[in-house]
Amino acid sequence: MQIYLREEELEALRKAAVRSGCSVAALVRDAIRKTVLAPQAAGPVAIWDGEPKRTSVDHDSVYDEP
């Protein structure tokens, strides 16, 4: 397979490859896995544990409390 990149895209990939210690091809494959082949989130995603205290509809109410 061949892909055509603008010069600045290729240069950025080359620099990233040097920094990461892997090949340009590996970076491209990794990007495809992370963006195209990544599973879609099936619902809300949270970074906390437990029940939320407020819904997204009334999230500004936090400023109502002293």
C-alpha atoms as a PDB file:
ATOM      1  CA  MET A   1       0.000   0.000   0.000  1.00  0.00           C
ATOM      2  CA  GLN A   2       1.158   3.509  -0.684  1.00  0.00           C
ATOM      3  CA  ILE A   3      -0.009   6.703   0.911  1.00  0.00           C
ATOM      4  CA  TYR A   4       0.892  10.224  -0.031  1.00  0.00           C
ATOM      5  CA  LEU A   5       1.610  12.738   2.696  1.00  0.00           C
ATOM      6  CA  ARG A   6       2.429  16.407   2.597  1.00  0.00           C
ATOM      7  CA  GLU A   7       6.075  17.115   3.350  1.00  0.00           C
ATOM      8  CA  GLU A   8       5.285  18.579   6.788  1.00  0.00           C
ATOM      9  CA  GLU A   9       3.217  15.493   7.695  1.00  0.00           C
ATOM     10  CA  LEU A  10       6.016  13.149   6.724  1.00  0.00           C
ATOM     11  CA  GLU A  11       8.599  15.244   8.555  1.00  0.00           C
ATOM     12  CA  ALA A  12       6.447  15.238  11.697  1.00  0.00           C
ATOM     13  CA  LEU A  13       6.100  11.460  11.473  1.00  0.00           C
ATOM     14  CA  ARG A  14       9.839  11.039  11.030  1.00  0.00           C
ATOM     15  CA  LYS A  15      10.579  13.191  14.074  1.00  0.00           C
ATOM     16  CA  ALA A  16       7.984  11.311  16.146  1.00  0.00           C
ATOM     17  CA  ALA A  17       9.534   8.012  15.036  1.00  0.00           C
ATOM     18  CA  VAL A  18      12.977   9.114  16.194  1.00  0.00           C
ATOM     19  CA  ARG A  19      11.604  10.329  19.546  1.00  0.00           C
ATOM     20  CA  SER A  20       9.662   7.133  20.157  1.00  0.00           C
ATOM     21  CA  GLY A  21      12.287   4.746  18.834  1.00  0.00           C
ATOM     22  CA  CYS A  22       9.965   3.054  16.368  1.00  0.00           C
ATOM     23  CA  SER A  23       9.412   3.204  12.637  1.00  0.00           C
ATOM     24  CA  VAL A  24       7.139   5.552  10.717  1.00  0.00           C
ATOM     25  CA  ALA A  25       5.148   2.509   9.602  1.00  0.00           C
ATOM     26  CA  ALA A  26       4.624   1.458  13.230  1.00  0.00           C
ATOM     27  CA  LEU A  27       3.365   4.949  14.087  1.00  0.00           C
ATOM     28  CA  VAL A  28       0.913   4.853  11.171  1.00  0.00           C
ATOM     29  CA  ARG A  29      -0.355   1.393  12.156  1.00  0.00           C
ATOM     30  CA  ASP A  30      -0.756   2.516  15.774  1.00  0.00           C
ATOM     31  CA  ALA A  31      -2.675   5.625  14.703  1.00  0.00           C
ATOM     32  CA  ILE A  32      -5.017   3.496  12.588  1.00  0.00           C
ATOM     33  CA  ARG A  33      -5.631   1.112  15.493  1.00  0.00           C
ATOM     34  CA  LYS A  34      -6.343   3.998  17.872  1.00  0.00           C
ATOM     35  CA  THR A  35      -8.623   5.989  15.574  1.00  0.00           C
ATOM     36  CA  VAL A  36     -10.218   3.696  13.006  1.00  0.00           C
ATOM     37  CA  LEU A  37     -10.244   0.325  14.735  1.00  0.00           C
ATOM     38  CA  ALA A  38     -10.891   1.552  18.290  1.00  0.00           C
ATOM     39  CA  PRO A  39     -14.149   0.286  19.732  1.00  0.00           C
ATOM     40  CA  GLN A  40     -16.825   2.941  20.036  1.00  0.00           C
ATOM     41  CA  ALA A  41     -17.944   3.870  23.527  1.00  0.00           C
ATOM     42  CA  ALA A  42     -21.292   2.218  24.234  1.00  0.00           C
ATOM     43  CA  GLY A  43     -22.512   4.786  26.715  1.00  0.00           C
ATOM     44  CA  PRO A  44     -21.394   7.402  29.169  1.00  0.00           C
ATOM     45  CA  VAL A  45     -17.763   7.278  30.134  1.00  0.00           C
ATOM     46  CA  ALA A  46     -16.774   8.381  33.615  1.00  0.00           C
ATOM     47  CA  ILE A  47     -13.539   8.845  35.485  1.00  0.00           C
ATOM     48  CA  TRP A  48     -15.122   8.664  38.926  1.00  0.00           C
ATOM     49  CA  ASP A  49     -16.688   5.968  41.028  1.00  0.00           C
ATOM     50  CA  GLY A  50     -20.169   6.161  42.510  1.00  0.00           C
ATOM     51  CA  GLU A  51     -23.318   8.061  41.704  1.00  0.00           C
ATOM     52  CA  PRO A  52     -23.027  11.552  40.235  1.00  0.00           C
ATOM     53  CA  LYS A  53     -24.331  14.285  42.533  1.00  0.00           C
ATOM     54  CA  ARG A  54     -25.693  16.383  39.674  1.00  0.00           C
ATOM     55  CA  THR A  55     -26.747  15.750  36.112  1.00  0.00           C
ATOM     56  CA  SER A  56     -25.167  17.520  33.186  1.00  0.00           C
ATOM     57  CA  VAL A  57     -28.329  19.611  32.863  1.00  0.00           C
ATOM     58  CA  ASP A  58     -27.794  21.329  36.207  1.00  0.00           C
ATOM     59  CA  HIS A  59     -24.002  21.280  36.330  1.00  0.00           C
ATOM     60  CA  ASP A  60     -23.835  25.072  36.895  1.00  0.00           C
ATOM     61  CA  SER A  61     -25.704  24.691  40.182  1.00  0.00           C
ATOM     62  CA  VAL A  62     -22.349  23.998  41.837  1.00  0.00           C
ATOM     63  CA  TYR A  63     -21.850  27.775  41.776  1.00  0.00           C
ATOM     64  CA  ASP A  64     -25.094  28.311  43.705  1.00  0.00           C
ATOM     65  CA  GLU A  65     -23.676  26.826  46.893  1.00  0.00           C
ATOM     66  CA  PRO A  66     -21.680  29.058  49.274  1.00  0.00           C
END
